[in-house]
Amino acid sequence: MQLQSHHHGHRHHAAHRVVLPPPDAATQLALDAAIRRVETVLHQGRMLTPGEALALAGPEARHDETLFSIARAVAWETGRNQDELLYWLEEKFPALA
């Protein structure tokens, strides 16, 4: 009888958030591109938190970005997993998650 459940490829920490294993080489390249994009958008003052994006939903927010929109775009461009990219972006930029 097994008392603990095992999640293949994922670990959980105390807050029950899934912790992913380190990204593979191709995902790391995509993540590096996404991080550069986040840093550029931050420098331009066009980065929104999810709450800000909801508050501005409409034409005013069309030129701004969120971590989700950047993860989605980079995943589309590179063929990588959007959720994994978003996970790592949220880890690097927690104030924007």
C-alpha atoms as a PDB file:
ATOM      1  CA  MET A   1       0.000   0.000   0.000  1.00  0.00           C
ATOM      2  CA  GLN A   2       1.401   3.346  -1.011  1.00  0.00           C
ATOM      3  CA  LEU A   3       0.588   6.270   1.282  1.00  0.00           C
ATOM      4  CA  GLN A   4       2.096   9.110  -0.716  1.00  0.00           C
ATOM      5  CA  SER A   5       1.131  10.065  -4.204  1.00  0.00           C
ATOM      6  CA  HIS A   6       3.928  10.635  -6.670  1.00  0.00           C
ATOM      7  CA  HIS A   7       3.743  13.186  -9.429  1.00  0.00           C
ATOM      8  CA  HIS A   8       6.002  12.326 -12.299  1.00  0.00           C
ATOM      9  CA  GLY A   9       8.062  15.323 -13.396  1.00  0.00           C
ATOM     10  CA  HIS A  10       6.561  17.724 -10.849  1.00  0.00           C
ATOM     11  CA  ARG A  11       7.205  18.386  -7.167  1.00  0.00           C
ATOM     12  CA  HIS A  12       4.986  20.240  -4.712  1.00  0.00           C
ATOM     13  CA  HIS A  13       6.119  22.624  -2.015  1.00  0.00           C
ATOM     14  CA  ALA A  14       4.309  23.718   1.131  1.00  0.00           C
ATOM     15  CA  ALA A  15       1.931  26.119  -0.636  1.00  0.00           C
ATOM     16  CA  HIS A  16       0.814  23.288  -2.977  1.00  0.00           C
ATOM     17  CA  ARG A  17       2.106  25.092  -6.020  1.00  0.00           C
ATOM     18  CA  VAL A  18       3.540  22.785  -8.625  1.00  0.00           C
ATOM     19  CA  VAL A  19       7.312  23.156  -8.930  1.00  0.00           C
ATOM     20  CA  LEU A  20       8.581  22.277 -12.381  1.00  0.00           C
ATOM     21  CA  PRO A  21      11.928  20.648 -13.037  1.00  0.00           C
ATOM     22  CA  PRO A  22      14.507  22.913 -14.697  1.00  0.00           C
ATOM     23  CA  PRO A  23      13.636  23.720 -18.324  1.00  0.00           C
ATOM     24  CA  ASP A  24      15.234  21.751 -21.142  1.00  0.00           C
ATOM     25  CA  ALA A  25      17.651  23.501 -23.505  1.00  0.00           C
ATOM     26  CA  ALA A  26      15.029  24.525 -26.082  1.00  0.00           C
ATOM     27  CA  THR A  27      12.672  25.833 -23.416  1.00  0.00           C
ATOM     28  CA  GLN A  28      15.550  27.727 -21.782  1.00  0.00           C
ATOM     29  CA  LEU A  29      16.255  29.488 -25.085  1.00  0.00           C
ATOM     30  CA  ALA A  30      12.583  30.444 -25.378  1.00  0.00           C
ATOM     31  CA  LEU A  31      12.561  31.553 -21.747  1.00  0.00           C
ATOM     32  CA  ASP A  32      15.620  33.734 -22.321  1.00  0.00           C
ATOM     33  CA  ALA A  33      13.798  35.412 -25.226  1.00  0.00           C
ATOM     34  CA  ALA A  34      10.702  35.903 -23.075  1.00  0.00           C
ATOM     35  CA  ILE A  35      12.754  37.407 -20.228  1.00  0.00           C
ATOM     36  CA  ARG A  36      14.400  39.851 -22.642  1.00  0.00           C
ATOM     37  CA  ARG A  37      10.951  40.804 -23.926  1.00  0.00           C
ATOM     38  CA  VAL A  38       9.628  41.364 -20.379  1.00  0.00           C
ATOM     39  CA  GLU A  39      12.646  43.519 -19.543  1.00  0.00           C
ATOM     40  CA  THR A  40      12.162  45.577 -22.733  1.00  0.00           C
ATOM     41  CA  VAL A  41       8.459  46.111 -22.047  1.00  0.00           C
ATOM     42  CA  LEU A  42       9.220  47.034 -18.427  1.00  0.00           C
ATOM     43  CA  HIS A  43      11.775  49.589 -19.606  1.00  0.00           C
ATOM     44  CA  GLN A  44       9.191  51.025 -22.018  1.00  0.00           C
ATOM     45  CA  GLY A  45       6.625  51.270 -19.201  1.00  0.00           C
ATOM     46  CA  ARG A  46       4.165  49.003 -21.016  1.00  0.00           C
ATOM     47  CA  MET A  47       4.041  46.093 -18.512  1.00  0.00           C
ATOM     48  CA  LEU A  48       0.772  45.383 -16.693  1.00  0.00           C
ATOM     49  CA  THR A  49      -0.076  43.035 -13.856  1.00  0.00           C
ATOM     50  CA  PRO A  50      -3.098  40.779 -14.502  1.00  0.00           C
ATOM     51  CA  GLY A  51      -5.249  43.048 -12.301  1.00  0.00           C
ATOM     52  CA  GLU A  52      -4.197  46.142 -14.219  1.00  0.00           C
ATOM     53  CA  ALA A  53      -4.914  44.399 -17.508  1.00  0.00           C
ATOM     54  CA  LEU A  54      -8.441  43.513 -16.330  1.00  0.00           C
ATOM     55  CA  ALA A  55      -9.067  47.064 -15.166  1.00  0.00           C
ATOM     56  CA  LEU A  56      -7.954  48.418 -18.538  1.00  0.00           C
ATOM     57  CA  ALA A  57      -9.564  45.753 -20.702  1.00  0.00           C
ATOM     58  CA  GLY A  58     -10.248  47.506 -23.945  1.00  0.00           C
ATOM     59  CA  PRO A  59      -8.439  49.690 -26.457  1.00  0.00           C
ATOM     60  CA  GLU A  60      -6.339  51.410 -23.769  1.00  0.00           C
ATOM     61  CA  ALA A  61      -4.508  48.172 -22.952  1.00  0.00           C
ATOM     62  CA  ARG A  62      -3.850  46.925 -26.486  1.00  0.00           C
ATOM     63  CA  HIS A  63      -0.279  48.230 -26.584  1.00  0.00           C
ATOM     64  CA  ASP A  64       0.615  46.895 -23.146  1.00  0.00           C
ATOM     65  CA  GLU A  65       1.767  43.428 -22.160  1.00  0.00           C
ATOM     66  CA  THR A  66       1.368  40.946 -19.313  1.00  0.00           C
ATOM     67  CA  LEU A  67       3.508  37.930 -18.438  1.00  0.00           C
ATOM     68  CA  PHE A  68       0.742  35.807 -19.948  1.00  0.00           C
ATOM     69  CA  SER A  69       0.721  37.689 -23.260  1.00  0.00           C
ATOM     70  CA  ILE A  70       4.495  37.424 -23.535  1.00  0.00           C
ATOM     71  CA  ALA A  71       4.506  33.709 -22.640  1.00  0.00           C
ATOM     72  CA  ARG A  72       1.752  33.106 -25.199  1.00  0.00           C
ATOM     73  CA  ALA A  73       3.593  34.993 -27.962  1.00  0.00           C
ATOM     74  CA  VAL A  74       6.961  33.350 -27.308  1.00  0.00           C
ATOM     75  CA  ALA A  75       5.361  29.899 -27.077  1.00  0.00           C
ATOM     76  CA  TRP A  76       3.672  30.490 -30.428  1.00  0.00           C
ATOM     77  CA  GLU A  77       6.929  31.691 -32.003  1.00  0.00           C
ATOM     78  CA  THR A  78       9.101  28.882 -30.599  1.00  0.00           C
ATOM     79  CA  GLY A  79       6.717  25.939 -30.325  1.00  0.00           C
ATOM     80  CA  ARG A  80       7.381  25.645 -26.591  1.00  0.00           C
ATOM     81  CA  ASN A  81       4.831  25.100 -23.822  1.00  0.00           C
ATOM     82  CA  GLN A  82       3.055  28.344 -22.892  1.00  0.00           C
ATOM     83  CA  ASP A  83       2.245  27.208 -19.351  1.00  0.00           C
ATOM     84  CA  GLU A  84       5.857  26.277 -18.660  1.00  0.00           C
ATOM     85  CA  LEU A  85       7.125  29.614 -19.977  1.00  0.00           C
ATOM     86  CA  LEU A  86       4.545  31.453 -17.877  1.00  0.00           C
ATOM     87  CA  TYR A  87       5.586  29.457 -14.801  1.00  0.00           C
ATOM     88  CA  TRP A  88       9.231  30.495 -15.188  1.00  0.00           C
ATOM     89  CA  LEU A  89       8.342  34.108 -15.965  1.00  0.00           C
ATOM     90  CA  GLU A  90       6.223  34.253 -12.798  1.00  0.00           C
ATOM     91  CA  GLU A  91       9.160  32.831 -10.841  1.00  0.00           C
ATOM     92  CA  LYS A  92      11.500  35.512 -12.240  1.00  0.00           C
ATOM     93  CA  PHE A  93       9.011  38.409 -12.012  1.00  0.00           C
ATOM     94  CA  PRO A  94       6.703  37.567  -9.037  1.00  0.00           C
ATOM     95  CA  ALA A  95       5.495  41.172  -8.651  1.00  0.00           C
ATOM     96  CA  LEU A  96       4.001  40.944 -12.147  1.00  0.00           C
ATOM     97  CA  ALA A  97       2.260  37.589 -11.642  1.00  0.00           C
END
